[in-house]
C-alpha atoms as a PDB file:
ATOM      1  CA  MET A   1     143.714 211.805 -15.863  1.00  0.00           C
ATOM      2  CA  ARG A   2     139.963 211.530 -15.631  1.00  0.00           C
ATOM      3  CA  SER A   3     138.222 209.713 -12.835  1.00  0.00           C
ATOM      4  CA  GLU A   4     136.675 206.307 -13.290  1.00  0.00           C
ATOM      5  CA  ARG A   5     133.348 208.090 -13.666  1.00  0.00           C
ATOM      6  CA  GLY A   6     134.433 209.781 -16.897  1.00  0.00           C
ATOM      7  CA  TYR A   7     135.148 213.358 -15.779  1.00  0.00           C
ATOM      8  CA  LYS A   8     137.794 215.341 -14.047  1.00  0.00           C
ATOM      9  CA  VAL A   9     137.957 214.949 -10.289  1.00  0.00           C
ATOM     10  CA  LYS A  10     135.029 216.011  -8.166  1.00  0.00           C
ATOM     11  CA  ILE A  11     136.229 218.087  -5.215  1.00  0.00           C
ATOM     12  CA  LEU A  12     134.352 218.720  -1.975  1.00  0.00           C
ATOM     13  CA  MET A  13     135.659 221.493   0.299  1.00  0.00           C
ATOM     14  CA  LEU A  14     134.169 221.188   3.767  1.00  0.00           C
ATOM     15  CA  ASP A  15     135.447 224.210   5.729  1.00  0.00           C
ATOM     16  CA  THR A  16     136.717 227.053   3.567  1.00  0.00           C
ATOM     17  CA  ILE A  17     136.317 229.428   6.525  1.00  0.00           C
ATOM     18  CA  THR A  18     139.574 227.989   7.893  1.00  0.00           C
ATOM     19  CA  TYR A  19     141.681 229.546   5.137  1.00  0.00           C
ATOM     20  CA  GLY A  20     139.720 232.749   4.617  1.00  0.00           C
ATOM     21  CA  ASP A  21     137.123 234.228   2.314  1.00  0.00           C
ATOM     22  CA  ASP A  22     139.793 236.450   0.725  1.00  0.00           C
ATOM     23  CA  ILE A  23     141.626 233.467  -0.798  1.00  0.00           C
ATOM     24  CA  SER A  24     140.521 232.722  -4.342  1.00  0.00           C
ATOM     25  CA  LEU A  25     139.543 229.140  -5.063  1.00  0.00           C
ATOM     26  CA  GLU A  26     138.891 229.779  -8.739  1.00  0.00           C
ATOM     27  CA  LYS A  27     141.766 227.700 -10.066  1.00  0.00           C
ATOM     28  CA  PHE A  28     140.427 224.575  -8.372  1.00  0.00           C
ATOM     29  CA  HIS A  29     137.630 224.607 -10.955  1.00  0.00           C
ATOM     30  CA  SER A  30     140.234 223.815 -13.615  1.00  0.00           C
ATOM     31  CA  LEU A  31     140.623 220.409 -11.967  1.00  0.00           C
ATOM     32  CA  GLY A  32     136.948 219.474 -12.135  1.00  0.00           C
ATOM     33  CA  GLU A  33     133.696 220.057 -10.266  1.00  0.00           C
ATOM     34  CA  VAL A  34     134.054 221.928  -7.000  1.00  0.00           C
ATOM     35  CA  PHE A  35     131.534 222.057  -4.169  1.00  0.00           C
ATOM     36  CA  SER A  36     132.553 224.317  -1.309  1.00  0.00           C
ATOM     37  CA  TYR A  37     131.117 225.062   2.122  1.00  0.00           C
ATOM     38  CA  ARG A  38     132.380 227.638   4.629  1.00  0.00           C
ATOM     39  CA  THR A  39     131.653 225.311   7.552  1.00  0.00           C
ATOM     40  CA  SER A  40     130.470 221.754   8.045  1.00  0.00           C
ATOM     41  CA  THR A  41     129.445 219.915  11.167  1.00  0.00           C
ATOM     42  CA  GLN A  42     130.211 216.206  11.297  1.00  0.00           C
ATOM     43  CA  GLN A  43     126.612 215.466  10.350  1.00  0.00           C
ATOM     44  CA  GLU A  44     126.735 217.961   7.496  1.00  0.00           C
ATOM     45  CA  ALA A  45     130.014 216.473   6.300  1.00  0.00           C
ATOM     46  CA  MET A  46     128.380 213.064   6.092  1.00  0.00           C
ATOM     47  CA  GLU A  47     125.382 214.491   4.241  1.00  0.00           C
ATOM     48  CA  ARG A  48     127.602 216.343   1.794  1.00  0.00           C
ATOM     49  CA  VAL A  49     129.836 213.417   0.879  1.00  0.00           C
ATOM     50  CA  LEU A  50     126.686 211.385   0.278  1.00  0.00           C
ATOM     51  CA  ALA A  51     125.167 214.140  -1.848  1.00  0.00           C
ATOM     52  CA  HIS A  52     128.235 214.898  -3.975  1.00  0.00           C
ATOM     53  CA  ARG A  53     130.139 211.592  -3.982  1.00  0.00           C
ATOM     54  CA  PRO A  54     133.506 213.354  -4.318  1.00  0.00           C
ATOM     55  CA  ASP A  55     136.781 211.928  -5.498  1.00  0.00           C
ATOM     56  CA  VAL A  56     138.659 214.421  -3.301  1.00  0.00           C
ATOM     57  CA  VAL A  57     137.689 215.799   0.108  1.00  0.00           C
ATOM     58  CA  VAL A  58     139.434 218.975   1.254  1.00  0.00           C
ATOM     59  CA  THR A  59     139.410 219.485   5.004  1.00  0.00           C
ATOM     60  CA  ASN A  60     141.105 221.364   7.794  1.00  0.00           C
ATOM     61  CA  LYS A  61     139.185 220.726  11.012  1.00  0.00           C
ATOM     62  CA  VAL A  62     136.369 218.447   9.903  1.00  0.00           C
ATOM     63  CA  VAL A  63     137.160 214.886  10.982  1.00  0.00           C
ATOM     64  CA  ILE A  64     137.202 212.387   8.135  1.00  0.00           C
ATOM     65  CA  THR A  65     136.136 209.234   9.908  1.00  0.00           C
ATOM     66  CA  LYS A  66     135.870 205.604   8.937  1.00  0.00           C
ATOM     67  CA  GLU A  67     132.109 206.135   8.717  1.00  0.00           C
ATOM     68  CA  ILE A  68     132.542 208.910   6.156  1.00  0.00           C
ATOM     69  CA  PHE A  69     134.929 206.794   4.113  1.00  0.00           C
ATOM     70  CA  GLU A  70     132.560 203.834   4.211  1.00  0.00           C
ATOM     71  CA  ALA A  71     129.568 205.977   3.272  1.00  0.00           C
ATOM     72  CA  ALA A  72     131.335 207.389   0.211  1.00  0.00           C
ATOM     73  CA  PRO A  73     133.657 204.759  -1.305  1.00  0.00           C
ATOM     74  CA  GLU A  74     134.222 207.126  -4.238  1.00  0.00           C
ATOM     75  CA  ILE A  75     136.653 209.122  -2.074  1.00  0.00           C
ATOM     76  CA  LYS A  76     140.142 208.500  -3.395  1.00  0.00           C
ATOM     77  CA  MET A  77     141.980 211.388  -1.753  1.00  0.00           C
ATOM     78  CA  VAL A  78     141.796 213.608   1.311  1.00  0.00           C
ATOM     79  CA  ALA A  79     143.637 216.906   0.896  1.00  0.00           C
ATOM     80  CA  GLU A  80     144.541 218.336   4.290  1.00  0.00           C
ATOM     81  CA  THR A  81     144.841 222.122   4.365  1.00  0.00           C
ATOM     82  CA  ALA A  82     147.360 221.986   7.199  1.00  0.00           C
ATOM     83  CA  THR A  83     150.493 220.168   8.272  1.00  0.00           C
ATOM     84  CA  GLY A  84     148.854 217.978  10.918  1.00  0.00           C
ATOM     85  CA  TYR A  85     146.405 215.336   9.747  1.00  0.00           C
ATOM     86  CA  ASN A  86     145.212 213.682  12.946  1.00  0.00           C
ATOM     87  CA  ASN A  87     141.641 214.586  11.933  1.00  0.00           C
ATOM     88  CA  ILE A  88     141.771 211.844   9.298  1.00  0.00           C
ATOM     89  CA  ASP A  89     141.397 208.121   9.893  1.00  0.00           C
ATOM     90  CA  THR A  90     144.728 207.341   8.264  1.00  0.00           C
ATOM     91  CA  GLY A  91     144.513 203.686   9.209  1.00  0.00           C
ATOM     92  CA  TYR A  92     141.397 203.238   7.102  1.00  0.00           C
ATOM     93  CA  ALA A  93     142.887 205.333   4.307  1.00  0.00           C
ATOM     94  CA  ALA A  94     146.036 203.205   4.211  1.00  0.00           C
ATOM     95  CA  GLN A  95     144.086 199.951   4.206  1.00  0.00           C
ATOM     96  CA  HIS A  96     141.948 201.103   1.286  1.00  0.00           C
ATOM     97  CA  GLY A  97     144.555 202.849  -0.829  1.00  0.00           C
ATOM     98  CA  ILE A  98     143.166 206.338  -0.225  1.00  0.00           C
ATOM     99  CA  CYS A  99     145.693 209.118  -0.697  1.00  0.00           C
ATOM    100  CA  VAL A 100     146.169 211.605   2.145  1.00  0.00           C
ATOM    101  CA  ALA A 101     148.297 214.663   1.347  1.00  0.00           C
ATOM    102  CA  ASN A 102     149.207 217.545   3.627  1.00  0.00           C
ATOM    103  CA  VAL A 103     151.109 220.832   3.356  1.00  0.00           C
ATOM    104  CA  ALA A 104     154.209 221.682   5.375  1.00  0.00           C
ATOM    105  CA  GLY A 105     156.427 224.723   5.668  1.00  0.00           C
ATOM    106  CA  TYR A 106     153.962 227.261   4.280  1.00  0.00           C
ATOM    107  CA  SER A 107     153.715 229.358   7.461  1.00  0.00           C
ATOM    108  CA  THR A 108     157.237 229.356   8.886  1.00  0.00           C
ATOM    109  CA  GLU A 109     157.988 233.036   8.247  1.00  0.00           C
ATOM    110  CA  SER A 110     154.543 234.077   9.474  1.00  0.00           C
ATOM    111  CA  VAL A 111     154.923 232.221  12.768  1.00  0.00           C
ATOM    112  CA  VAL A 112     158.418 233.610  13.315  1.00  0.00           C
ATOM    113  CA  GLN A 113     157.138 237.134  12.707  1.00  0.00           C
ATOM    114  CA  HIS A 114     154.240 236.660  15.122  1.00  0.00           C
ATOM    115  CA  THR A 115     156.551 235.226  17.766  1.00  0.00           C
ATOM    116  CA  PHE A 116     158.370 238.528  17.970  1.00  0.00           C
ATOM    117  CA  ALA A 117     155.159 240.546  17.690  1.00  0.00           C
ATOM    118  CA  LEU A 118     153.830 238.815  20.817  1.00  0.00           C
ATOM    119  CA  LEU A 119     157.109 239.258  22.643  1.00  0.00           C
ATOM    120  CA  PHE A 120     157.528 242.957  21.998  1.00  0.00           C
ATOM    121  CA  TYR A 121     153.921 243.712  22.899  1.00  0.00           C
ATOM    122  CA  VAL A 122     154.454 242.493  26.456  1.00  0.00           C
ATOM    123  CA  PHE A 123     158.236 242.927  26.717  1.00  0.00           C
ATOM    124  CA  GLU A 124     158.119 246.661  25.911  1.00  0.00           C
ATOM    125  CA  LYS A 125     154.760 247.275  27.655  1.00  0.00           C
ATOM    126  CA  LEU A 126     153.329 248.649  24.413  1.00  0.00           C
ATOM    127  CA  ASN A 127     149.711 248.379  25.522  1.00  0.00           C
ATOM    128  CA  TYR A 128     150.431 250.586  28.531  1.00  0.00           C
ATOM    129  CA  TYR A 129     152.410 253.200  26.608  1.00  0.00           C
ATOM    130  CA  ASP A 130     149.902 253.389  23.762  1.00  0.00           C
ATOM    131  CA  GLY A 131     147.148 253.872  26.349  1.00  0.00           C
ATOM    132  CA  TYR A 132     149.184 256.539  28.130  1.00  0.00           C
ATOM    133  CA  VAL A 133     149.380 258.635  24.977  1.00  0.00           C
ATOM    134  CA  LYS A 134     145.835 258.107  23.730  1.00  0.00           C
ATOM    135  CA  SER A 135     144.278 258.746  27.134  1.00  0.00           C
ATOM    136  CA  GLY A 136     145.561 262.311  27.004  1.00  0.00           C
ATOM    137  CA  ASN A 137     147.981 261.862  29.900  1.00  0.00           C
ATOM    138  CA  TYR A 138     150.956 262.510  27.655  1.00  0.00           C
ATOM    139  CA  CYS A 139     149.445 265.891  26.689  1.00  0.00           C
ATOM    140  CA  ASP A 140     149.760 266.966  30.308  1.00  0.00           C
ATOM    141  CA  SER A 141     153.237 265.551  30.891  1.00  0.00           C
ATOM    142  CA  PRO A 142     155.966 267.945  32.111  1.00  0.00           C
ATOM    143  CA  CYS A 143     158.525 265.732  30.349  1.00  0.00           C
ATOM    144  CA  PHE A 144     159.034 264.625  26.745  1.00  0.00           C
ATOM    145  CA  THR A 145     159.235 260.985  27.826  1.00  0.00           C
ATOM    146  CA  HIS A 146     157.757 258.630  30.423  1.00  0.00           C
ATOM    147  CA  PHE A 147     159.325 255.849  32.498  1.00  0.00           C
ATOM    148  CA  GLU A 148     156.407 254.337  34.414  1.00  0.00           C
ATOM    149  CA  ARG A 149     156.788 250.788  33.082  1.00  0.00           C
ATOM    150  CA  VAL A 150     160.397 249.636  32.919  1.00  0.00           C
ATOM    151  CA  PHE A 151     161.466 247.476  29.979  1.00  0.00           C
ATOM    152  CA  ASN A 152     164.805 246.056  28.903  1.00  0.00           C
ATOM    153  CA  GLU A 153     166.965 245.232  25.925  1.00  0.00           C
ATOM    154  CA  LEU A 154     167.049 241.791  24.350  1.00  0.00           C
ATOM    155  CA  ASP A 155     170.789 242.067  23.916  1.00  0.00           C
ATOM    156  CA  LYS A 156     172.616 239.473  26.026  1.00  0.00           C
ATOM    157  CA  LYS A 157     169.367 237.862  27.196  1.00  0.00           C
ATOM    158  CA  THR A 158     169.020 234.076  27.036  1.00  0.00           C
ATOM    159  CA  TRP A 159     166.316 232.846  24.670  1.00  0.00           C
ATOM    160  CA  GLY A 160     165.186 229.283  25.321  1.00  0.00           C
ATOM    161  CA  ILE A 161     163.388 227.354  22.604  1.00  0.00           C
ATOM    162  CA  VAL A 162     161.185 224.307  23.056  1.00  0.00           C
ATOM    163  CA  GLY A 163     161.157 222.519  19.712  1.00  0.00           C
ATOM    164  CA  LEU A 164     164.034 223.294  17.350  1.00  0.00           C
ATOM    165  CA  GLY A 165     162.308 222.404  14.101  1.00  0.00           C
ATOM    166  CA  SER A 166     162.202 224.709  11.089  1.00  0.00           C
ATOM    167  CA  ILE A 167     160.250 227.399  12.963  1.00  0.00           C
ATOM    168  CA  GLY A 168     162.355 227.089  16.109  1.00  0.00           C
ATOM    169  CA  ARG A 169     165.568 227.439  14.131  1.00  0.00           C
ATOM    170  CA  ARG A 170     164.312 230.559  12.334  1.00  0.00           C
ATOM    171  CA  VAL A 171     163.288 232.081  15.683  1.00  0.00           C
ATOM    172  CA  ALA A 172     166.756 231.251  17.017  1.00  0.00           C
ATOM    173  CA  LYS A 173     168.404 233.003  14.090  1.00  0.00           C
ATOM    174  CA  VAL A 174     166.319 236.161  14.529  1.00  0.00           C
ATOM    175  CA  ALA A 175     166.867 236.119  18.298  1.00  0.00           C
ATOM    176  CA  GLU A 176     170.608 236.009  17.639  1.00  0.00           C
ATOM    177  CA  THR A 177     170.369 239.193  15.558  1.00  0.00           C
ATOM    178  CA  PHE A 178     169.023 240.898  18.676  1.00  0.00           C
ATOM    179  CA  GLY A 179     172.068 239.699  20.598  1.00  0.00           C
ATOM    180  CA  CYS A 180     170.420 236.802  22.419  1.00  0.00           C
ATOM    181  CA  ASN A 181     172.162 233.676  23.601  1.00  0.00           C
ATOM    182  CA  VAL A 182     170.045 230.787  22.308  1.00  0.00           C
ATOM    183  CA  ILE A 183     169.575 227.445  24.043  1.00  0.00           C
ATOM    184  CA  TYR A 184     167.009 224.739  23.359  1.00  0.00           C
ATOM    185  CA  PHE A 185     165.195 221.818  24.930  1.00  0.00           C
ATOM    186  CA  SER A 186     164.118 218.777  22.949  1.00  0.00           C
ATOM    187  CA  ALA A 187     161.338 216.707  24.503  1.00  0.00           C
ATOM    188  CA  SER A 188     162.361 213.831  22.230  1.00  0.00           C
ATOM    189  CA  GLN A 189     165.989 214.183  23.463  1.00  0.00           C
ATOM    190  CA  ARG A 190     167.097 214.853  19.903  1.00  0.00           C
ATOM    191  CA  THR A 191     170.377 216.713  19.445  1.00  0.00           C
ATOM    192  CA  TYR A 192     170.310 218.872  16.327  1.00  0.00           C
ATOM    193  CA  ASP A 193     173.298 219.660  14.146  1.00  0.00           C
ATOM    194  CA  THR A 194     173.393 223.276  15.230  1.00  0.00           C
ATOM    195  CA  GLN A 195     175.530 225.746  17.137  1.00  0.00           C
ATOM    196  CA  TYR A 196     172.868 226.077  19.817  1.00  0.00           C
ATOM    197  CA  LYS A 197     173.297 224.295  23.128  1.00  0.00           C
ATOM    198  CA  ARG A 198     170.804 221.582  24.058  1.00  0.00           C
ATOM    199  CA  VAL A 199     169.871 221.736  27.749  1.00  0.00           C
ATOM    200  CA  SER A 200     167.606 219.867  30.120  1.00  0.00           C
ATOM    201  CA  PHE A 201     164.132 221.210  30.764  1.00  0.00           C
ATOM    202  CA  ASP A 202     165.114 222.374  34.230  1.00  0.00           C
ATOM    203  CA  GLU A 203     168.129 224.211  32.802  1.00  0.00           C
ATOM    204  CA  LEU A 204     165.950 225.858  30.184  1.00  0.00           C
ATOM    205  CA  LEU A 205     163.535 227.069  32.856  1.00  0.00           C
ATOM    206  CA  ALA A 206     166.263 228.372  35.161  1.00  0.00           C
ATOM    207  CA  GLU A 207     168.422 230.089  32.536  1.00  0.00           C
ATOM    208  CA  SER A 208     165.981 231.575  30.031  1.00  0.00           C
ATOM    209  CA  ASP A 209     164.808 235.165  29.982  1.00  0.00           C
ATOM    210  CA  ILE A 210     162.429 234.347  27.141  1.00  0.00           C
ATOM    211  CA  ILE A 211     161.036 230.910  26.333  1.00  0.00           C
ATOM    212  CA  SER A 212     159.228 230.284  23.073  1.00  0.00           C
ATOM    213  CA  ILE A 213     157.397 227.049  22.314  1.00  0.00           C
ATOM    214  CA  HIS A 214     157.402 225.671  18.759  1.00  0.00           C
ATOM    215  CA  ALA A 215     156.933 221.983  19.534  1.00  0.00           C
ATOM    216  CA  PRO A 216     154.222 219.515  18.515  1.00  0.00           C
ATOM    217  CA  LEU A 217     151.740 218.180  21.037  1.00  0.00           C
ATOM    218  CA  ASN A 218     152.435 214.635  22.208  1.00  0.00           C
ATOM    219  CA  GLU A 219     152.656 212.647  25.417  1.00  0.00           C
ATOM    220  CA  LYS A 220     156.021 214.241  26.203  1.00  0.00           C
ATOM    221  CA  THR A 221     154.938 217.856  25.729  1.00  0.00           C
ATOM    222  CA  GLU A 222     151.339 217.879  26.964  1.00  0.00           C
ATOM    223  CA  ASN A 223     151.064 219.921  30.174  1.00  0.00           C
ATOM    224  CA  LEU A 224     154.832 220.504  30.057  1.00  0.00           C
ATOM    225  CA  PHE A 225     154.443 223.965  31.544  1.00  0.00           C
ATOM    226  CA  ASP A 226     152.649 223.291  34.811  1.00  0.00           C
ATOM    227  CA  ASP A 227     152.874 224.783  38.302  1.00  0.00           C
ATOM    228  CA  THR A 228     156.213 223.097  38.917  1.00  0.00           C
ATOM    229  CA  ALA A 229     157.685 224.492  35.708  1.00  0.00           C
ATOM    230  CA  PHE A 230     156.587 228.054  36.462  1.00  0.00           C
ATOM    231  CA  ASP A 231     158.099 227.798  39.944  1.00  0.00           C
ATOM    232  CA  LYS A 232     161.479 227.167  38.293  1.00  0.00           C
ATOM    233  CA  MET A 233     161.383 230.104  35.864  1.00  0.00           C
ATOM    234  CA  LYS A 234     162.884 233.521  36.463  1.00  0.00           C
ATOM    235  CA  THR A 235     160.387 236.025  37.816  1.00  0.00           C
ATOM    236  CA  SER A 236     161.575 238.325  35.020  1.00  0.00           C
ATOM    237  CA  ALA A 237     160.978 235.724  32.294  1.00  0.00           C
ATOM    238  CA  TYR A 238     158.467 235.760  29.435  1.00  0.00           C
ATOM    239  CA  LEU A 239     156.734 232.722  27.950  1.00  0.00           C
ATOM    240  CA  LEU A 240     155.526 232.525  24.354  1.00  0.00           C
ATOM    241  CA  ASN A 241     153.427 229.624  23.065  1.00  0.00           C
ATOM    242  CA  LEU A 242     153.190 229.233  19.305  1.00  0.00           C
ATOM    243  CA  GLY A 243     153.191 225.439  19.345  1.00  0.00           C
ATOM    244  CA  ARG A 244     150.055 223.764  20.687  1.00  0.00           C
ATOM    245  CA  GLY A 245     147.791 225.015  23.445  1.00  0.00           C
ATOM    246  CA  PRO A 246     147.834 222.030  25.806  1.00  0.00           C
ATOM    247  CA  ILE A 247     151.606 222.276  26.169  1.00  0.00           C
ATOM    248  CA  VAL A 248     150.890 225.087  28.635  1.00  0.00           C
ATOM    249  CA  ASN A 249     148.514 224.430  31.535  1.00  0.00           C
ATOM    250  CA  ALA A 250     146.102 227.383  31.471  1.00  0.00           C
ATOM    251  CA  SER A 251     145.381 227.310  35.197  1.00  0.00           C
ATOM    252  CA  ALA A 252     149.057 227.125  36.060  1.00  0.00           C
ATOM    253  CA  LEU A 253     149.887 230.047  33.775  1.00  0.00           C
ATOM    254  CA  THR A 254     147.041 232.100  35.246  1.00  0.00           C
ATOM    255  CA  THR A 255     148.402 231.483  38.743  1.00  0.00           C
ATOM    256  CA  ALA A 256     151.942 232.252  37.643  1.00  0.00           C
ATOM    257  CA  LEU A 257     150.874 235.621  36.270  1.00  0.00           C
ATOM    258  CA  LYS A 258     148.708 236.483  39.273  1.00  0.00           C
ATOM    259  CA  GLU A 259     151.477 235.596  41.711  1.00  0.00           C
ATOM    260  CA  ASN A 260     154.218 237.243  39.629  1.00  0.00           C
ATOM    261  CA  LYS A 261     156.107 234.000  39.152  1.00  0.00           C
ATOM    262  CA  ILE A 262     156.902 235.235  35.628  1.00  0.00           C
ATOM    263  CA  ALA A 263     156.827 238.698  34.047  1.00  0.00           C
ATOM    264  CA  GLY A 264     154.474 238.013  31.166  1.00  0.00           C
ATOM    265  CA  ALA A 265     153.243 235.717  28.435  1.00  0.00           C
ATOM    266  CA  GLY A 266     152.146 235.760  24.811  1.00  0.00           C
ATOM    267  CA  LEU A 267     149.897 233.022  23.477  1.00  0.00           C
ATOM    268  CA  ASP A 268     148.631 232.278  19.992  1.00  0.00           C
ATOM    269  CA  VAL A 269     147.295 228.850  20.949  1.00  0.00           C
ATOM    270  CA  ILE A 270     145.263 227.637  23.910  1.00  0.00           C
ATOM    271  CA  ASP A 271     144.012 224.260  25.059  1.00  0.00           C
ATOM    272  CA  ARG A 272     140.500 224.636  23.589  1.00  0.00           C
ATOM    273  CA  GLU A 273     139.852 226.755  20.522  1.00  0.00           C
ATOM    274  CA  PRO A 274     137.871 228.984  20.247  1.00  0.00           C
ATOM    275  CA  ILE A 275     138.523 229.981  23.856  1.00  0.00           C
ATOM    276  CA  GLU A 276     135.811 228.998  26.315  1.00  0.00           C
ATOM    277  CA  LYS A 277     134.202 231.617  28.539  1.00  0.00           C
ATOM    278  CA  ASP A 278     135.413 229.911  31.721  1.00  0.00           C
ATOM    279  CA  ASN A 279     139.055 229.718  30.627  1.00  0.00           C
ATOM    280  CA  PRO A 280     141.024 231.042  33.632  1.00  0.00           C
ATOM    281  CA  LEU A 281     143.338 233.020  31.353  1.00  0.00           C
ATOM    282  CA  LEU A 282     140.497 235.465  30.734  1.00  0.00           C
ATOM    283  CA  GLN A 283     140.916 236.553  34.349  1.00  0.00           C
ATOM    284  CA  ILE A 284     144.150 238.297  33.289  1.00  0.00           C
ATOM    285  CA  GLN A 285     142.915 241.530  31.737  1.00  0.00           C
ATOM    286  CA  ASP A 286     146.221 243.404  31.946  1.00  0.00           C
ATOM    287  CA  SER A 287     147.502 243.249  28.381  1.00  0.00           C
ATOM    288  CA  SER A 288     150.942 244.384  29.474  1.00  0.00           C
ATOM    289  CA  ARG A 289     151.222 241.005  31.222  1.00  0.00           C
ATOM    290  CA  LEU A 290     149.366 238.719  28.845  1.00  0.00           C
ATOM    291  CA  ILE A 291     148.427 238.892  25.181  1.00  0.00           C
ATOM    292  CA  ILE A 292     146.346 236.165  23.530  1.00  0.00           C
ATOM    293  CA  THR A 293     145.735 236.062  19.790  1.00  0.00           C
ATOM    294  CA  PRO A 294     143.209 233.673  18.180  1.00  0.00           C
ATOM    295  CA  HIS A 295     145.544 231.184  16.472  1.00  0.00           C
ATOM    296  CA  ILE A 296     146.619 233.661  13.791  1.00  0.00           C
ATOM    297  CA  ALA A 297     150.410 233.260  13.804  1.00  0.00           C
ATOM    298  CA  TRP A 298     150.243 231.089  10.682  1.00  0.00           C
ATOM    299  CA  ALA A 299     147.645 233.200   8.914  1.00  0.00           C
ATOM    300  CA  THR A 300     149.301 236.036   7.039  1.00  0.00           C
ATOM    301  CA  TYR A 301     147.731 236.519   3.617  1.00  0.00           C
ATOM    302  CA  GLU A 302     150.888 235.263   1.946  1.00  0.00           C
ATOM    303  CA  ALA A 303     150.933 232.077   4.030  1.00  0.00           C
ATOM    304  CA  ARG A 304     147.309 231.317   3.264  1.00  0.00           C
ATOM    305  CA  VAL A 305     147.923 231.818  -0.447  1.00  0.00           C
ATOM    306  CA  ARG A 306     150.917 229.461  -0.260  1.00  0.00           C
ATOM    307  CA  LEU A 307     148.810 226.935   1.609  1.00  0.00           C
ATOM    308  CA  MET A 308     146.066 226.771  -1.000  1.00  0.00           C
ATOM    309  CA  ASP A 309     148.587 226.865  -3.855  1.00  0.00           C
ATOM    310  CA  GLU A 310     150.127 223.749  -2.338  1.00  0.00           C
ATOM    311  CA  VAL A 311     146.751 222.080  -1.852  1.00  0.00           C
ATOM    312  CA  PHE A 312     145.946 222.807  -5.499  1.00  0.00           C
ATOM    313  CA  GLU A 313     149.234 221.272  -6.617  1.00  0.00           C
ATOM    314  CA  ASN A 314     148.621 218.214  -4.411  1.00  0.00           C
ATOM    315  CA  ILE A 315     145.209 217.608  -5.991  1.00  0.00           C
ATOM    316  CA  LYS A 316     146.513 218.335  -9.484  1.00  0.00           C
ATOM    317  CA  ALA A 317     149.301 215.793  -9.016  1.00  0.00           C
ATOM    318  CA  PHE A 318     146.811 213.224  -7.743  1.00  0.00           C
ATOM    319  CA  SER A 319     144.522 213.800 -10.724  1.00  0.00           C
ATOM    320  CA  GLU A 320     147.512 213.168 -12.995  1.00  0.00           C
ATOM    321  CA  GLY A 321     148.461 209.962 -11.217  1.00  0.00           C
ATOM    322  CA  ARG A 322     151.423 211.430  -9.335  1.00  0.00           C
ATOM    323  CA  ASP A 323     152.189 211.434  -5.612  1.00  0.00           C
ATOM    324  CA  ARG A 324     152.912 214.814  -4.058  1.00  0.00           C
ATOM    325  CA  ASN A 325     153.195 215.501  -0.330  1.00  0.00           C
ATOM    326  CA  ARG A 326     151.527 212.158   0.239  1.00  0.00           C
ATOM    327  CA  VAL A 327     151.616 211.062   3.881  1.00  0.00           C
ATOM    328  CA  VAL A 328     149.349 208.020   3.432  1.00  0.00           C
END
């Protein structure tokens, strides 16, 4: 289906940096004209929709506001290169018949894999042991092994999950293969049809040896892990956040690590991204206690390919007059 202006759809990509320069966008040209930019400020986004008058805007972090919609009434679709779409004025889109389509489920296996990568890095003190060998200390050891930093088995440990969606359930399944007893907390009080036991938040904190977060950010989960929560956790426990940064209070976690309220933490998300220089978590330089990765859990090559394949199919369907993954 051609646009009302007599050609295939005109596509404007505002922040291709968010899915990587190694992902080919060539096939998008089969759908029509494509204008792509690695980054766009809000002002640049406005200038670019005015300059190109696109039918479709592709965005990840750039906010598509009412002002942008009003400035470029040619926009008929916003293709979100993510699952969340709170960067789009969906109210305006709904009122004006503008399609908004997202992508879900593309990164589940990647996030599950990274969950365990973060855990084992701190759980088995890998930073310390790697440093021990590479520093030359192992060369001088009178023994074939080294026991300086004690670590434990996962077998028979209790793994608590916050958010038992598709990612949480996959983490639970993998944790079970390591012999873990899995429990979960639902901030929405939802009981899932699963063999895992739903517990209160206080029970989760008191019983879990590992807690992994895979929940969305909302009024019930924001600042969920605060000073009070850390006071209730085992001093031998590990916290992993692969949900949203503000679920964990950065200052509270910093204090918890400094005062040995918990054994360690692994974070892929933080409250403000990129991390700010005054973030208190940067005070924790011992990587055997805390590992922070820059929001990469979702970003294996395969996941990013799946993401853009899905975005392509969403736009293709729209250009053919079909709804696909439409959320507005």
